[in-house]
Amino acid sequence: MRNHENIVAVLFDKDGTLFELETSWMQYCDKMFDYIADEDGALRNDLAVFCGYDVENRKLLGGSLIVGGSIDQLCDGWAAMSSQFSHDDLLVKSTAIISELDPAPICDLRDLTESLRSQGLVLGIITNDLEATARSQLERAKIFEHFAFVSGSDSGYRPKPEPDMILGFCNAKGIAPENVAVVGDSLHDLNAANNAGAVLRIAVLTGPANHDELAHCADYVLENVAELPRLLSSVERSSVPAIEQCGTLEQQDH
């Protein structure tokens, strides 16, 4: 058993954790495929396979690069498949498309962040999306001012699952990793937390990964991020099971 009474900060993944993943990113994929492949069906299929997007069923697959990768990785791979567009061309187009997408919040994010801040917690965002996109989405959701740190794949840190964004937050805010909880919907998020030495790894089931895929790397698995304030209130009064004992909030409460 490990004691977690001194959690002072929470770092969130963005898409699939705070905002619905598939609503926005399927639109992004469709528009990028139109731009890169036009009517070339074979190329469209290759682009979809590379990023882990099931076009026929309109869903992102487990292990999708959309979920765990970065925009740079997508643009690198797609550029290698195209004879017309470079990485930089695709990055410019990606940025333009993403900036036009309306974020779909998982829950009442203002209520969520206000509740967490009322517990005295410092909040931050660590996403493999672009920093400007993350800032724009937070502003449109009217919660930007609640975050003390926003980092994207272009913010000077290596993308998740590397620990750099988490450690960057810790260095910027003078907070030790053992005082930080990390919340995400993918193994990349949880592995980044583990690599950084974050004290608490919390998975949410609002991305493509299911409970069994996430549970072995998480201290807790929640249905969605709206359950977080109750969880953090409970762990501040007790202690959190070791990783091998992880399960859903309902299973773990005593």
C-alpha atoms as a PDB file:
ATOM      1  CA  MET A   1       0.000   0.000   0.000  1.00  0.00           C
ATOM      2  CA  ARG A   2       1.267   3.468  -0.867  1.00  0.00           C
ATOM      3  CA  ASN A   3       0.171   6.664   0.850  1.00  0.00           C
ATOM      4  CA  HIS A   4      -1.200   9.423  -1.416  1.00  0.00           C
ATOM      5  CA  GLU A   5      -2.302  12.018   1.090  1.00  0.00           C
ATOM      6  CA  ASN A   6      -0.113  14.733  -0.452  1.00  0.00           C
ATOM      7  CA  ILE A   7      -1.563  15.021  -3.968  1.00  0.00           C
ATOM      8  CA  VAL A   8      -1.383  18.718  -4.874  1.00  0.00           C
ATOM      9  CA  ALA A   9      -1.711  18.662  -8.682  1.00  0.00           C
ATOM     10  CA  VAL A  10      -3.598  16.858 -11.435  1.00  0.00           C
ATOM     11  CA  LEU A  11      -2.405  16.582 -15.030  1.00  0.00           C
ATOM     12  CA  PHE A  12      -4.950  15.673 -17.705  1.00  0.00           C
ATOM     13  CA  ASP A  13      -4.675  14.230 -21.152  1.00  0.00           C
ATOM     14  CA  LYS A  14      -7.023  16.205 -23.418  1.00  0.00           C
ATOM     15  CA  ASP A  15      -8.823  14.174 -26.101  1.00  0.00           C
ATOM     16  CA  GLY A  16     -10.617  11.107 -24.825  1.00  0.00           C
ATOM     17  CA  THR A  17     -10.261  12.419 -21.286  1.00  0.00           C
ATOM     18  CA  LEU A  18     -11.730  15.925 -21.168  1.00  0.00           C
ATOM     19  CA  PHE A  19     -13.131  16.077 -24.708  1.00  0.00           C
ATOM     20  CA  GLU A  20     -14.782  13.377 -26.781  1.00  0.00           C
ATOM     21  CA  LEU A  21     -12.157  11.824 -28.983  1.00  0.00           C
ATOM     22  CA  GLU A  22     -14.029  10.370 -31.917  1.00  0.00           C
ATOM     23  CA  THR A  23     -16.430  13.265 -32.562  1.00  0.00           C
ATOM     24  CA  SER A  24     -13.616  15.667 -33.425  1.00  0.00           C
ATOM     25  CA  TRP A  25     -10.908  13.366 -34.704  1.00  0.00           C
ATOM     26  CA  MET A  26     -13.058  11.439 -37.158  1.00  0.00           C
ATOM     27  CA  GLN A  27     -13.883  14.775 -38.766  1.00  0.00           C
ATOM     28  CA  TYR A  28     -10.183  15.576 -38.832  1.00  0.00           C
ATOM     29  CA  CYS A  29      -9.319  12.254 -40.473  1.00  0.00           C
ATOM     30  CA  ASP A  30     -12.050  12.574 -43.096  1.00  0.00           C
ATOM     31  CA  LYS A  31     -10.887  16.049 -44.063  1.00  0.00           C
ATOM     32  CA  MET A  32      -7.225  15.057 -44.154  1.00  0.00           C
ATOM     33  CA  PHE A  33      -8.028  12.031 -46.329  1.00  0.00           C
ATOM     34  CA  ASP A  34      -9.967  14.295 -48.705  1.00  0.00           C
ATOM     35  CA  TYR A  35      -6.970  16.622 -48.853  1.00  0.00           C
ATOM     36  CA  ILE A  36      -4.291  13.957 -49.318  1.00  0.00           C
ATOM     37  CA  ALA A  37      -6.042  11.242 -51.327  1.00  0.00           C
ATOM     38  CA  ASP A  38      -9.060  12.883 -52.940  1.00  0.00           C
ATOM     39  CA  GLU A  39     -10.726  10.039 -54.890  1.00  0.00           C
ATOM     40  CA  ASP A  40      -7.849   7.553 -54.537  1.00  0.00           C
ATOM     41  CA  GLY A  41      -9.606   4.811 -52.563  1.00  0.00           C
ATOM     42  CA  ALA A  42      -6.494   2.693 -52.047  1.00  0.00           C
ATOM     43  CA  LEU A  43      -4.541   5.616 -50.647  1.00  0.00           C
ATOM     44  CA  ARG A  44      -7.435   6.601 -48.389  1.00  0.00           C
ATOM     45  CA  ASN A  45      -7.450   3.063 -47.000  1.00  0.00           C
ATOM     46  CA  ASP A  46      -3.685   3.159 -46.389  1.00  0.00           C
ATOM     47  CA  LEU A  47      -3.983   6.499 -44.601  1.00  0.00           C
ATOM     48  CA  ALA A  48      -6.741   5.104 -42.405  1.00  0.00           C
ATOM     49  CA  VAL A  49      -4.861   1.918 -41.553  1.00  0.00           C
ATOM     50  CA  PHE A  50      -1.763   3.905 -40.611  1.00  0.00           C
ATOM     51  CA  CYS A  51      -3.600   6.080 -38.099  1.00  0.00           C
ATOM     52  CA  GLY A  52      -5.892   3.356 -36.746  1.00  0.00           C
ATOM     53  CA  TYR A  53      -9.214   4.672 -38.050  1.00  0.00           C
ATOM     54  CA  ASP A  54     -11.935   2.205 -39.071  1.00  0.00           C
ATOM     55  CA  VAL A  55     -13.624   4.242 -41.817  1.00  0.00           C
ATOM     56  CA  GLU A  56     -16.417   1.746 -42.490  1.00  0.00           C
ATOM     57  CA  ASN A  57     -17.576   1.644 -38.872  1.00  0.00           C
ATOM     58  CA  ARG A  58     -16.471   5.212 -38.148  1.00  0.00           C
ATOM     59  CA  LYS A  59     -14.487   4.456 -35.031  1.00  0.00           C
ATOM     60  CA  LEU A  60     -10.943   4.713 -33.788  1.00  0.00           C
ATOM     61  CA  LEU A  61      -9.246   1.422 -33.056  1.00  0.00           C
ATOM     62  CA  GLY A  62      -7.406   0.462 -29.901  1.00  0.00           C
ATOM     63  CA  GLY A  63      -3.770   1.489 -30.258  1.00  0.00           C
ATOM     64  CA  SER A  64      -4.695   4.159 -32.824  1.00  0.00           C
ATOM     65  CA  LEU A  65      -1.988   6.707 -33.537  1.00  0.00           C
ATOM     66  CA  ILE A  66      -4.724   9.319 -33.164  1.00  0.00           C
ATOM     67  CA  VAL A  67      -4.985   8.256 -29.524  1.00  0.00           C
ATOM     68  CA  GLY A  68      -1.380   7.623 -28.590  1.00  0.00           C
ATOM     69  CA  GLY A  69       0.682   9.447 -31.178  1.00  0.00           C
ATOM     70  CA  SER A  70       1.369  13.051 -32.079  1.00  0.00           C
ATOM     71  CA  ILE A  71       0.423  15.287 -35.008  1.00  0.00           C
ATOM     72  CA  ASP A  72       4.057  15.144 -36.153  1.00  0.00           C
ATOM     73  CA  GLN A  73       3.933  11.358 -36.282  1.00  0.00           C
ATOM     74  CA  LEU A  74       0.699  11.427 -38.278  1.00  0.00           C
ATOM     75  CA  CYS A  75       2.099  13.955 -40.738  1.00  0.00           C
ATOM     76  CA  ASP A  76       5.359  12.013 -41.083  1.00  0.00           C
ATOM     77  CA  GLY A  77       3.536   8.786 -41.900  1.00  0.00           C
ATOM     78  CA  TRP A  78       1.000  10.320 -44.235  1.00  0.00           C
ATOM     79  CA  ALA A  79       3.649  12.334 -46.078  1.00  0.00           C
ATOM     80  CA  ALA A  80       5.599   9.134 -46.715  1.00  0.00           C
ATOM     81  CA  MET A  81       2.502   7.703 -48.421  1.00  0.00           C
ATOM     82  CA  SER A  82       1.908  10.770 -50.577  1.00  0.00           C
ATOM     83  CA  SER A  83       3.785  11.967 -53.635  1.00  0.00           C
ATOM     84  CA  GLN A  84       2.294  15.467 -53.368  1.00  0.00           C
ATOM     85  CA  PHE A  85       2.573  16.618 -49.778  1.00  0.00           C
ATOM     86  CA  SER A  86       5.448  17.067 -47.364  1.00  0.00           C
ATOM     87  CA  HIS A  87       5.323  16.794 -43.593  1.00  0.00           C
ATOM     88  CA  ASP A  88       5.206  20.590 -43.353  1.00  0.00           C
ATOM     89  CA  ASP A  89       2.348  20.806 -45.869  1.00  0.00           C
ATOM     90  CA  LEU A  90       0.321  18.346 -43.833  1.00  0.00           C
ATOM     91  CA  LEU A  91       1.175  20.012 -40.542  1.00  0.00           C
ATOM     92  CA  VAL A  92      -0.120  23.345 -41.829  1.00  0.00           C
ATOM     93  CA  LYS A  93      -3.305  21.699 -43.108  1.00  0.00           C
ATOM     94  CA  SER A  94      -3.745  19.755 -39.870  1.00  0.00           C
ATOM     95  CA  THR A  95      -3.437  22.898 -37.789  1.00  0.00           C
ATOM     96  CA  ALA A  96      -6.040  24.664 -39.928  1.00  0.00           C
ATOM     97  CA  ILE A  97      -8.526  21.774 -39.735  1.00  0.00           C
ATOM     98  CA  ILE A  98      -8.100  21.207 -36.003  1.00  0.00           C
ATOM     99  CA  SER A  99      -8.566  24.901 -35.250  1.00  0.00           C
ATOM    100  CA  GLU A 100     -12.029  24.735 -36.861  1.00  0.00           C
ATOM    101  CA  LEU A 101     -13.284  21.700 -34.932  1.00  0.00           C
ATOM    102  CA  ASP A 102     -15.668  22.337 -32.071  1.00  0.00           C
ATOM    103  CA  PRO A 103     -14.656  20.461 -28.917  1.00  0.00           C
ATOM    104  CA  ALA A 104     -17.249  18.134 -27.358  1.00  0.00           C
ATOM    105  CA  PRO A 105     -16.742  18.051 -23.572  1.00  0.00           C
ATOM    106  CA  ILE A 106     -17.020  14.687 -21.830  1.00  0.00           C
ATOM    107  CA  CYS A 107     -18.900  16.297 -18.938  1.00  0.00           C
ATOM    108  CA  ASP A 108     -19.482  19.742 -17.418  1.00  0.00           C
ATOM    109  CA  LEU A 109     -15.816  20.676 -17.468  1.00  0.00           C
ATOM    110  CA  ARG A 110     -16.270  23.998 -15.740  1.00  0.00           C
ATOM    111  CA  ASP A 111     -17.986  22.276 -12.827  1.00  0.00           C
ATOM    112  CA  LEU A 112     -15.255  19.620 -12.795  1.00  0.00           C
ATOM    113  CA  THR A 113     -12.343  22.026 -12.778  1.00  0.00           C
ATOM    114  CA  GLU A 114     -13.948  24.345 -10.248  1.00  0.00           C
ATOM    115  CA  SER A 115     -14.536  21.374  -7.957  1.00  0.00           C
ATOM    116  CA  LEU A 116     -10.913  20.273  -8.209  1.00  0.00           C
ATOM    117  CA  ARG A 117      -9.567  23.767  -7.697  1.00  0.00           C
ATOM    118  CA  SER A 118     -11.769  24.103  -4.620  1.00  0.00           C
ATOM    119  CA  GLN A 119      -9.766  21.161  -3.228  1.00  0.00           C
ATOM    120  CA  GLY A 120      -6.648  23.295  -3.648  1.00  0.00           C
ATOM    121  CA  LEU A 121      -5.338  21.306  -6.619  1.00  0.00           C
ATOM    122  CA  VAL A 122      -3.144  22.766  -9.379  1.00  0.00           C
ATOM    123  CA  LEU A 123      -4.352  21.659 -12.834  1.00  0.00           C
ATOM    124  CA  GLY A 124      -2.465  21.109 -16.072  1.00  0.00           C
ATOM    125  CA  ILE A 125      -2.862  19.665 -19.583  1.00  0.00           C
ATOM    126  CA  ILE A 126      -0.403  17.274 -21.235  1.00  0.00           C
ATOM    127  CA  THR A 127      -1.451  16.351 -24.771  1.00  0.00           C
ATOM    128  CA  ASN A 128       0.209  14.950 -27.870  1.00  0.00           C
ATOM    129  CA  ASP A 129      -1.933  17.399 -29.850  1.00  0.00           C
ATOM    130  CA  LEU A 130      -0.586  20.878 -30.634  1.00  0.00           C
ATOM    131  CA  GLU A 131      -0.355  23.348 -27.761  1.00  0.00           C
ATOM    132  CA  ALA A 132      -2.241  26.070 -29.627  1.00  0.00           C
ATOM    133  CA  THR A 133      -5.096  23.665 -30.315  1.00  0.00           C
ATOM    134  CA  ALA A 134      -5.271  22.684 -26.663  1.00  0.00           C
ATOM    135  CA  ARG A 135      -5.351  26.311 -25.568  1.00  0.00           C
ATOM    136  CA  SER A 136      -8.068  27.111 -28.093  1.00  0.00           C
ATOM    137  CA  GLN A 137     -10.253  24.212 -26.965  1.00  0.00           C
ATOM    138  CA  LEU A 138      -9.866  25.129 -23.309  1.00  0.00           C
ATOM    139  CA  GLU A 139     -10.780  28.733 -24.087  1.00  0.00           C
ATOM    140  CA  ARG A 140     -13.878  27.697 -26.052  1.00  0.00           C
ATOM    141  CA  ALA A 141     -14.910  25.437 -23.171  1.00  0.00           C
ATOM    142  CA  LYS A 142     -14.432  28.446 -20.847  1.00  0.00           C
ATOM    143  CA  ILE A 143     -11.985  26.634 -18.576  1.00  0.00           C
ATOM    144  CA  PHE A 144      -8.625  27.913 -19.810  1.00  0.00           C
ATOM    145  CA  GLU A 145      -8.094  30.083 -16.735  1.00  0.00           C
ATOM    146  CA  HIS A 146      -8.357  27.016 -14.500  1.00  0.00           C
ATOM    147  CA  PHE A 147      -5.146  25.509 -15.876  1.00  0.00           C
ATOM    148  CA  ALA A 148      -1.709  26.538 -14.710  1.00  0.00           C
ATOM    149  CA  PHE A 149       0.139  24.579 -17.411  1.00  0.00           C
ATOM    150  CA  VAL A 150      -0.657  23.528 -20.995  1.00  0.00           C
ATOM    151  CA  SER A 151       1.804  21.431 -22.979  1.00  0.00           C
ATOM    152  CA  GLY A 152       1.496  19.949 -26.467  1.00  0.00           C
ATOM    153  CA  SER A 153       3.695  17.862 -28.722  1.00  0.00           C
ATOM    154  CA  ASP A 154       5.221  21.066 -30.091  1.00  0.00           C
ATOM    155  CA  SER A 155       5.967  22.650 -26.700  1.00  0.00           C
ATOM    156  CA  GLY A 156       9.568  21.478 -26.536  1.00  0.00           C
ATOM    157  CA  TYR A 157       8.978  18.180 -24.745  1.00  0.00           C
ATOM    158  CA  ARG A 158       9.059  14.671 -26.144  1.00  0.00           C
ATOM    159  CA  PRO A 159       5.516  13.304 -26.566  1.00  0.00           C
ATOM    160  CA  LYS A 160       3.956  10.747 -24.258  1.00  0.00           C
ATOM    161  CA  PRO A 161       4.761   8.021 -23.213  1.00  0.00           C
ATOM    162  CA  GLU A 162       7.977   9.879 -22.462  1.00  0.00           C
ATOM    163  CA  PRO A 163       7.824  11.614 -19.061  1.00  0.00           C
ATOM    164  CA  ASP A 164       8.990  15.014 -20.323  1.00  0.00           C
ATOM    165  CA  MET A 165       5.685  16.921 -20.183  1.00  0.00           C
ATOM    166  CA  ILE A 166       5.011  15.785 -16.638  1.00  0.00           C
ATOM    167  CA  LEU A 167       8.521  16.611 -15.490  1.00  0.00           C
ATOM    168  CA  GLY A 168       8.290  19.944 -17.314  1.00  0.00           C
ATOM    169  CA  PHE A 169       5.184  20.767 -15.314  1.00  0.00           C
ATOM    170  CA  CYS A 170       6.910  19.741 -12.096  1.00  0.00           C
ATOM    171  CA  ASN A 171       9.935  21.909 -12.864  1.00  0.00           C
ATOM    172  CA  ALA A 172       7.792  24.886 -13.864  1.00  0.00           C
ATOM    173  CA  LYS A 173       5.560  24.738 -10.799  1.00  0.00           C
ATOM    174  CA  GLY A 174       8.015  23.481  -8.197  1.00  0.00           C
ATOM    175  CA  ILE A 175       5.931  20.357  -7.550  1.00  0.00           C
ATOM    176  CA  ALA A 176       7.464  16.906  -7.101  1.00  0.00           C
ATOM    177  CA  PRO A 177       6.160  13.999  -9.232  1.00  0.00           C
ATOM    178  CA  GLU A 178       5.184  12.179  -6.053  1.00  0.00           C
ATOM    179  CA  ASN A 179       2.620  14.925  -5.489  1.00  0.00           C
ATOM    180  CA  VAL A 180       1.065  14.645  -8.978  1.00  0.00           C
ATOM    181  CA  ALA A 181      -1.879  12.575 -10.235  1.00  0.00           C
ATOM    182  CA  VAL A 182      -2.165  11.928 -13.985  1.00  0.00           C
ATOM    183  CA  VAL A 183      -5.484  11.218 -15.743  1.00  0.00           C
ATOM    184  CA  GLY A 184      -5.757   9.764 -19.246  1.00  0.00           C
ATOM    185  CA  ASP A 185      -7.574   7.374 -21.555  1.00  0.00           C
ATOM    186  CA  SER A 186      -4.606   5.523 -23.054  1.00  0.00           C
ATOM    187  CA  LEU A 187      -1.580   3.457 -22.121  1.00  0.00           C
ATOM    188  CA  HIS A 188       0.585   6.311 -23.405  1.00  0.00           C
ATOM    189  CA  ASP A 189      -0.835   8.536 -20.664  1.00  0.00           C
ATOM    190  CA  LEU A 190      -0.402   5.942 -17.941  1.00  0.00           C
ATOM    191  CA  ASN A 191       3.087   4.962 -19.057  1.00  0.00           C
ATOM    192  CA  ALA A 192       4.133   8.610 -19.141  1.00  0.00           C
ATOM    193  CA  ALA A 193       2.899   8.911 -15.559  1.00  0.00           C
ATOM    194  CA  ASN A 194       4.796   5.803 -14.552  1.00  0.00           C
ATOM    195  CA  ASN A 195       7.964   6.946 -16.321  1.00  0.00           C
ATOM    196  CA  ALA A 196       7.806  10.299 -14.544  1.00  0.00           C
ATOM    197  CA  GLY A 197       7.209   8.758 -11.132  1.00  0.00           C
ATOM    198  CA  ALA A 198       3.778  10.348 -10.726  1.00  0.00           C
ATOM    199  CA  VAL A 199       2.124   9.174  -7.544  1.00  0.00           C
ATOM    200  CA  LEU A 200      -1.286   8.301  -9.002  1.00  0.00           C
ATOM    201  CA  ARG A 201      -2.277   6.981 -12.428  1.00  0.00           C
ATOM    202  CA  ILE A 202      -5.968   7.266 -13.207  1.00  0.00           C
ATOM    203  CA  ALA A 203      -7.508   5.810 -16.372  1.00  0.00           C
ATOM    204  CA  VAL A 204     -10.858   6.833 -17.854  1.00  0.00           C
ATOM    205  CA  LEU A 205     -12.977   4.719 -20.206  1.00  0.00           C
ATOM    206  CA  THR A 206     -13.973   7.516 -22.589  1.00  0.00           C
ATOM    207  CA  GLY A 207     -11.386   6.634 -25.235  1.00  0.00           C
ATOM    208  CA  PRO A 208     -11.019   3.533 -27.423  1.00  0.00           C
ATOM    209  CA  ALA A 209      -9.216   1.447 -24.784  1.00  0.00           C
ATOM    210  CA  ASN A 210     -11.292  -0.813 -22.566  1.00  0.00           C
ATOM    211  CA  HIS A 211     -10.983  -1.580 -18.857  1.00  0.00           C
ATOM    212  CA  ASP A 212      -8.809  -4.667 -19.280  1.00  0.00           C
ATOM    213  CA  GLU A 213      -6.357  -2.842 -21.534  1.00  0.00           C
ATOM    214  CA  LEU A 214      -5.841  -0.065 -18.997  1.00  0.00           C
ATOM    215  CA  ALA A 215      -6.277  -1.659 -15.589  1.00  0.00           C
ATOM    216  CA  HIS A 216      -2.846  -3.264 -15.310  1.00  0.00           C
ATOM    217  CA  CYS A 217      -1.181   0.164 -15.638  1.00  0.00           C
ATOM    218  CA  ALA A 218      -3.635   2.194 -13.551  1.00  0.00           C
ATOM    219  CA  ASP A 219      -4.248   2.695  -9.857  1.00  0.00           C
ATOM    220  CA  TYR A 220      -7.897   3.412 -10.641  1.00  0.00           C
ATOM    221  CA  VAL A 221     -10.124   3.086 -13.701  1.00  0.00           C
ATOM    222  CA  LEU A 222     -13.084   5.476 -13.874  1.00  0.00           C
ATOM    223  CA  GLU A 223     -16.036   5.474 -16.231  1.00  0.00           C
ATOM    224  CA  ASN A 224     -15.348   9.145 -16.988  1.00  0.00           C
ATOM    225  CA  VAL A 225     -13.551  12.128 -15.599  1.00  0.00           C
ATOM    226  CA  ALA A 226     -16.647  13.431 -13.797  1.00  0.00           C
ATOM    227  CA  GLU A 227     -15.913  10.814 -11.110  1.00  0.00           C
ATOM    228  CA  LEU A 228     -12.511  12.335 -10.343  1.00  0.00           C
ATOM    229  CA  PRO A 229     -13.385  14.807  -7.541  1.00  0.00           C
ATOM    230  CA  ARG A 230     -14.999  12.046  -5.487  1.00  0.00           C
ATOM    231  CA  LEU A 231     -12.032   9.756  -6.044  1.00  0.00           C
ATOM    232  CA  LEU A 232      -9.479  12.374  -5.060  1.00  0.00           C
ATOM    233  CA  SER A 233     -11.467  13.309  -1.981  1.00  0.00           C
ATOM    234  CA  SER A 234     -11.405   9.665  -0.918  1.00  0.00           C
ATOM    235  CA  VAL A 235      -7.720   9.000  -1.559  1.00  0.00           C
ATOM    236  CA  GLU A 236      -6.708  12.090   0.379  1.00  0.00           C
ATOM    237  CA  ARG A 237      -8.245  10.448   3.439  1.00  0.00           C
ATOM    238  CA  SER A 238      -6.815   6.994   2.841  1.00  0.00           C
ATOM    239  CA  SER A 239      -4.328   5.232   0.641  1.00  0.00           C
ATOM    240  CA  VAL A 240      -4.443   3.819  -2.871  1.00  0.00           C
ATOM    241  CA  PRO A 241      -3.923   0.149  -3.811  1.00  0.00           C
ATOM    242  CA  ALA A 242      -0.806  -0.895  -5.636  1.00  0.00           C
ATOM    243  CA  ILE A 243      -1.033  -1.306  -9.409  1.00  0.00           C
ATOM    244  CA  GLU A 244      -1.672  -5.036  -9.336  1.00  0.00           C
ATOM    245  CA  GLN A 245      -4.808  -4.417  -7.256  1.00  0.00           C
ATOM    246  CA  CYS A 246      -6.282  -1.758  -9.530  1.00  0.00           C
ATOM    247  CA  GLY A 247      -9.919  -1.735 -10.607  1.00  0.00           C
ATOM    248  CA  THR A 248     -12.853   0.596 -11.079  1.00  0.00           C
ATOM    249  CA  LEU A 249     -13.735   3.233  -8.523  1.00  0.00           C
ATOM    250  CA  GLU A 250     -16.751   1.197  -7.479  1.00  0.00           C
ATOM    251  CA  GLN A 251     -14.624  -1.896  -6.988  1.00  0.00           C
ATOM    252  CA  GLN A 252     -11.965  -0.068  -5.012  1.00  0.00           C
ATOM    253  CA  ASP A 253     -14.098   1.994  -2.636  1.00  0.00           C
ATOM    254  CA  HIS A 254     -14.422   0.621   0.888  1.00  0.00           C
END
